[in-house]
């Protein structure tokens, strides 16, 4: 799978509200009421990542979960990243 061009990335970002490009990845921070709901979200993300064999970087800070996506094998962003971002946003719960 080839990495997206800059124009393709701009178009794809419109399909994932709240996600921002940062270098060679896209990132979003989800904020929850407390640690428990944040950790429950991470478990859902982990199950999805295993099912799709595409794993995000995950940073947990009490009630905030930041996800980062990049297709390292392609050297940048691909449809895999944006499809994962849409699924993770749909898992929701956070702000």
N, C-alpha and C. Protein backbone atom coordinates (compact mmCIF):
# COMPACT_ATOMS: atom_id res chain seq x y z
N UNK A 1 0.84 -1.17 0.00
CA UNK A 1 0.00 0.00 0.00
C UNK A 1 0.89 1.23 0.00
N UNK A 2 0.67 2.11 -0.97
CA UNK A 2 1.49 3.31 -1.11
C UNK A 2 1.04 4.40 -0.15
N UNK A 3 2.00 5.18 0.33
CA UNK A 3 1.68 6.32 1.19
C UNK A 3 0.92 7.37 0.38
N UNK A 4 0.02 8.06 1.06
CA UNK A 4 -0.76 9.13 0.43
C UNK A 4 0.13 10.31 0.09
N UNK A 5 -0.27 11.03 -0.94
CA UNK A 5 0.36 12.30 -1.28
C UNK A 5 -0.19 13.37 -0.33
N UNK A 6 0.42 14.55 -0.35
CA UNK A 6 -0.04 15.64 0.51
C UNK A 6 -1.49 16.00 0.20
N UNK A 7 -1.87 16.00 -1.07
CA UNK A 7 -3.24 16.32 -1.46
C UNK A 7 -4.21 15.25 -0.97
N UNK A 8 -3.82 13.99 -1.06
CA UNK A 8 -4.67 12.90 -0.57
C UNK A 8 -4.85 12.98 0.95
N UNK A 9 -3.80 13.35 1.64
CA UNK A 9 -3.87 13.50 3.09
C UNK A 9 -4.84 14.62 3.46
N UNK A 10 -4.75 15.75 2.77
CA UNK A 10 -5.67 16.87 3.04
C UNK A 10 -7.12 16.43 2.85
N UNK A 11 -7.40 15.70 1.77
CA UNK A 11 -8.77 15.21 1.53
C UNK A 11 -9.21 14.23 2.60
N UNK A 12 -8.33 13.31 2.95
CA UNK A 12 -8.67 12.28 3.93
C UNK A 12 -8.88 12.87 5.32
N UNK A 13 -8.14 13.91 5.67
CA UNK A 13 -8.32 14.54 6.98
C UNK A 13 -9.73 15.08 7.16
N UNK A 14 -10.38 15.44 6.09
CA UNK A 14 -11.76 15.94 6.17
C UNK A 14 -12.73 14.84 6.60
N UNK A 15 -12.32 13.59 6.50
CA UNK A 15 -13.19 12.46 6.87
C UNK A 15 -13.00 12.04 8.33
N UNK A 16 -12.06 12.67 9.02
CA UNK A 16 -11.77 12.29 10.41
C UNK A 16 -11.71 13.53 11.31
N UNK A 17 -12.88 14.10 11.62
CA UNK A 17 -12.90 15.31 12.46
C UNK A 17 -12.17 15.08 13.79
N UNK A 18 -11.42 16.09 14.20
CA UNK A 18 -10.69 16.02 15.45
C UNK A 18 -9.29 15.47 15.32
N UNK A 19 -9.00 14.83 14.21
CA UNK A 19 -7.66 14.29 13.97
C UNK A 19 -6.83 15.35 13.27
N UNK A 20 -5.54 15.43 13.63
CA UNK A 20 -4.63 16.41 13.06
C UNK A 20 -3.36 15.71 12.59
N UNK A 21 -2.82 16.23 11.52
CA UNK A 21 -1.55 15.70 11.03
C UNK A 21 -0.42 16.27 11.87
N UNK A 22 0.49 15.39 12.21
CA UNK A 22 1.70 15.80 12.94
C UNK A 22 2.85 15.03 12.33
N UNK A 23 3.57 15.67 11.44
CA UNK A 23 4.66 14.99 10.74
C UNK A 23 4.12 13.89 9.85
N UNK A 24 4.58 12.67 10.08
CA UNK A 24 4.19 11.53 9.25
C UNK A 24 3.04 10.73 9.85
N UNK A 25 2.33 11.32 10.82
CA UNK A 25 1.22 10.60 11.43
C UNK A 25 0.02 11.52 11.62
N UNK A 26 -1.12 10.91 11.96
CA UNK A 26 -2.28 11.67 12.39
C UNK A 26 -2.52 11.33 13.86
N UNK A 27 -2.99 12.33 14.62
CA UNK A 27 -3.16 12.16 16.06
C UNK A 27 -4.48 12.76 16.51
N UNK A 28 -5.01 12.20 17.58
CA UNK A 28 -6.18 12.77 18.24
C UNK A 28 -6.12 12.41 19.72
N UNK A 29 -6.51 13.37 20.55
CA UNK A 29 -6.63 13.13 21.98
C UNK A 29 -8.10 13.05 22.34
N UNK A 30 -8.47 11.98 23.03
CA UNK A 30 -9.82 11.76 23.53
C UNK A 30 -9.79 12.01 25.03
N UNK A 31 -10.72 12.80 25.55
CA UNK A 31 -10.78 13.11 26.97
C UNK A 31 -12.02 12.47 27.58
N UNK A 32 -11.83 11.80 28.70
CA UNK A 32 -12.90 11.08 29.39
C UNK A 32 -13.10 11.65 30.79
N UNK A 33 -14.17 11.23 31.45
CA UNK A 33 -14.49 11.73 32.79
C UNK A 33 -13.47 11.27 33.84
N UNK A 34 -12.86 10.11 33.63
CA UNK A 34 -11.92 9.55 34.61
C UNK A 34 -11.07 8.48 33.93
N UNK A 35 -10.18 7.88 34.72
CA UNK A 35 -9.27 6.86 34.19
C UNK A 35 -10.02 5.62 33.70
N UNK A 36 -11.02 5.16 34.43
CA UNK A 36 -11.74 3.93 34.06
C UNK A 36 -12.31 3.98 32.65
N UNK A 37 -13.08 5.00 32.31
CA UNK A 37 -13.61 5.09 30.94
C UNK A 37 -12.50 5.24 29.88
N UNK A 38 -11.43 5.95 30.24
CA UNK A 38 -10.31 6.10 29.30
C UNK A 38 -9.68 4.74 29.02
N UNK A 39 -9.48 3.96 30.07
CA UNK A 39 -8.87 2.64 29.90
C UNK A 39 -9.80 1.69 29.16
N UNK A 40 -11.11 1.79 29.39
CA UNK A 40 -12.07 0.96 28.65
C UNK A 40 -11.99 1.28 27.15
N UNK A 41 -11.82 2.55 26.81
CA UNK A 41 -11.65 2.95 25.42
C UNK A 41 -10.39 2.33 24.82
N UNK A 42 -9.31 2.34 25.58
CA UNK A 42 -8.05 1.75 25.10
C UNK A 42 -8.23 0.26 24.83
N UNK A 43 -8.98 -0.43 25.69
CA UNK A 43 -9.22 -1.86 25.44
C UNK A 43 -9.98 -2.06 24.13
N UNK A 44 -10.97 -1.21 23.84
CA UNK A 44 -11.71 -1.31 22.58
C UNK A 44 -10.79 -1.06 21.39
N UNK A 45 -9.94 -0.05 21.51
CA UNK A 45 -8.98 0.26 20.45
C UNK A 45 -8.04 -0.92 20.23
N UNK A 46 -7.56 -1.52 21.30
CA UNK A 46 -6.63 -2.65 21.19
C UNK A 46 -7.28 -3.83 20.47
N UNK A 47 -8.54 -4.13 20.81
CA UNK A 47 -9.24 -5.24 20.13
C UNK A 47 -9.39 -4.94 18.64
N UNK A 48 -9.76 -3.71 18.32
CA UNK A 48 -9.91 -3.34 16.91
C UNK A 48 -8.57 -3.41 16.18
N UNK A 49 -7.52 -2.91 16.81
CA UNK A 49 -6.19 -2.92 16.19
C UNK A 49 -5.73 -4.35 15.90
N UNK A 50 -5.97 -5.25 16.82
CA UNK A 50 -5.61 -6.66 16.60
C UNK A 50 -6.43 -7.25 15.47
N UNK A 51 -7.71 -6.95 15.43
CA UNK A 51 -8.59 -7.50 14.40
C UNK A 51 -8.20 -7.02 13.01
N UNK A 52 -7.68 -5.80 12.91
CA UNK A 52 -7.31 -5.23 11.62
C UNK A 52 -5.81 -5.25 11.35
N UNK A 53 -5.04 -5.79 12.30
CA UNK A 53 -3.58 -5.88 12.18
C UNK A 53 -2.97 -4.53 11.80
N UNK A 54 -3.45 -3.48 12.49
CA UNK A 54 -2.91 -2.13 12.28
C UNK A 54 -3.00 -1.43 13.64
N UNK A 55 -1.84 -1.15 14.22
CA UNK A 55 -1.77 -0.76 15.63
C UNK A 55 -1.35 0.69 15.81
N UNK A 56 -2.12 1.44 16.59
CA UNK A 56 -1.76 2.84 16.84
C UNK A 56 -0.75 2.95 17.97
N UNK A 57 -0.09 4.10 18.03
CA UNK A 57 0.66 4.46 19.22
C UNK A 57 -0.39 4.98 20.20
N UNK A 58 -0.28 4.58 21.46
CA UNK A 58 -1.27 4.95 22.48
C UNK A 58 -0.55 5.57 23.67
N UNK A 59 -1.02 6.76 24.06
CA UNK A 59 -0.50 7.45 25.24
C UNK A 59 -1.68 7.70 26.17
N UNK A 60 -1.62 7.17 27.40
CA UNK A 60 -2.68 7.34 28.38
C UNK A 60 -2.17 8.26 29.49
N UNK A 61 -2.90 9.33 29.73
CA UNK A 61 -2.59 10.28 30.80
C UNK A 61 -3.85 10.48 31.63
N UNK A 62 -4.05 9.63 32.62
CA UNK A 62 -5.22 9.61 33.50
C UNK A 62 -6.51 9.53 32.70
N UNK A 63 -7.11 10.68 32.34
CA UNK A 63 -8.39 10.65 31.63
C UNK A 63 -8.25 11.04 30.16
N UNK A 64 -7.03 11.15 29.68
CA UNK A 64 -6.79 11.49 28.28
C UNK A 64 -6.06 10.36 27.57
N UNK A 65 -6.54 10.04 26.38
CA UNK A 65 -5.92 9.01 25.56
C UNK A 65 -5.58 9.65 24.21
N UNK A 66 -4.30 9.65 23.87
CA UNK A 66 -3.88 10.16 22.57
C UNK A 66 -3.49 8.98 21.70
N UNK A 67 -4.07 8.95 20.51
CA UNK A 67 -3.75 7.91 19.53
C UNK A 67 -2.97 8.53 18.38
N UNK A 68 -1.97 7.82 17.90
CA UNK A 68 -1.20 8.23 16.74
C UNK A 68 -1.20 7.11 15.72
N UNK A 69 -1.40 7.47 14.47
CA UNK A 69 -1.47 6.47 13.39
C UNK A 69 -0.52 6.82 12.26
N UNK A 70 0.18 5.81 11.78
CA UNK A 70 1.07 5.92 10.62
C UNK A 70 1.31 4.50 10.12
N UNK A 71 1.33 4.33 8.81
CA UNK A 71 1.66 3.03 8.26
C UNK A 71 3.17 3.00 8.03
N UNK A 72 3.89 2.51 9.02
CA UNK A 72 5.36 2.55 8.98
C UNK A 72 5.92 1.81 7.76
N UNK A 73 5.29 0.70 7.38
CA UNK A 73 5.79 -0.08 6.23
C UNK A 73 5.71 0.71 4.93
N UNK A 74 4.76 1.66 4.85
CA UNK A 74 4.61 2.49 3.65
C UNK A 74 5.38 3.80 3.77
N UNK A 75 5.90 4.07 4.95
CA UNK A 75 6.66 5.30 5.15
C UNK A 75 5.81 6.54 5.27
N UNK A 76 4.55 6.38 5.66
CA UNK A 76 3.68 7.54 5.80
C UNK A 76 2.24 7.13 6.05
N UNK A 77 1.35 8.01 5.70
CA UNK A 77 -0.08 7.78 5.93
C UNK A 77 -0.72 7.08 4.74
N UNK A 78 -1.61 6.13 5.05
CA UNK A 78 -2.34 5.38 4.03
C UNK A 78 -3.81 5.30 4.42
N UNK A 79 -4.61 4.67 3.57
CA UNK A 79 -6.01 4.48 3.88
C UNK A 79 -6.19 3.69 5.18
N UNK A 80 -5.25 2.79 5.50
CA UNK A 80 -5.34 2.04 6.76
C UNK A 80 -5.43 2.98 7.96
N UNK A 81 -4.66 4.05 7.93
CA UNK A 81 -4.64 4.99 9.04
C UNK A 81 -5.97 5.73 9.17
N UNK A 82 -6.49 6.18 8.04
CA UNK A 82 -7.74 6.95 8.08
C UNK A 82 -8.93 6.05 8.38
N UNK A 83 -8.90 4.81 7.92
CA UNK A 83 -9.97 3.86 8.25
C UNK A 83 -9.94 3.57 9.75
N UNK A 84 -8.75 3.39 10.31
CA UNK A 84 -8.63 3.16 11.75
C UNK A 84 -9.11 4.38 12.52
N UNK A 85 -8.73 5.57 12.08
CA UNK A 85 -9.16 6.79 12.77
C UNK A 85 -10.68 6.90 12.78
N UNK A 86 -11.33 6.56 11.68
CA UNK A 86 -12.80 6.61 11.64
C UNK A 86 -13.40 5.60 12.62
N UNK A 87 -12.82 4.40 12.67
CA UNK A 87 -13.33 3.39 13.61
C UNK A 87 -13.12 3.82 15.05
N UNK A 88 -11.95 4.36 15.38
CA UNK A 88 -11.66 4.76 16.76
C UNK A 88 -12.56 5.93 17.17
N UNK A 89 -12.81 6.84 16.25
CA UNK A 89 -13.72 7.95 16.56
C UNK A 89 -15.12 7.42 16.84
N UNK A 90 -15.53 6.41 16.09
CA UNK A 90 -16.87 5.82 16.28
C UNK A 90 -16.98 5.07 17.61
N UNK A 91 -15.85 4.55 18.13
CA UNK A 91 -15.85 3.89 19.43
C UNK A 91 -16.20 4.88 20.52
N UNK A 92 -15.77 6.11 20.27
CA UNK A 92 -16.14 7.28 21.00
C UNK A 92 -16.18 7.28 22.51
N UNK A 93 -16.99 8.17 22.98
CA UNK A 93 -17.13 8.37 24.40
C UNK A 93 -16.35 9.59 24.88
N UNK A 94 -15.24 9.84 24.30
CA UNK A 94 -14.43 10.97 24.73
C UNK A 94 -14.80 12.24 24.01
N UNK A 95 -14.23 13.31 24.51
CA UNK A 95 -14.43 14.62 23.86
C UNK A 95 -13.24 14.92 23.00
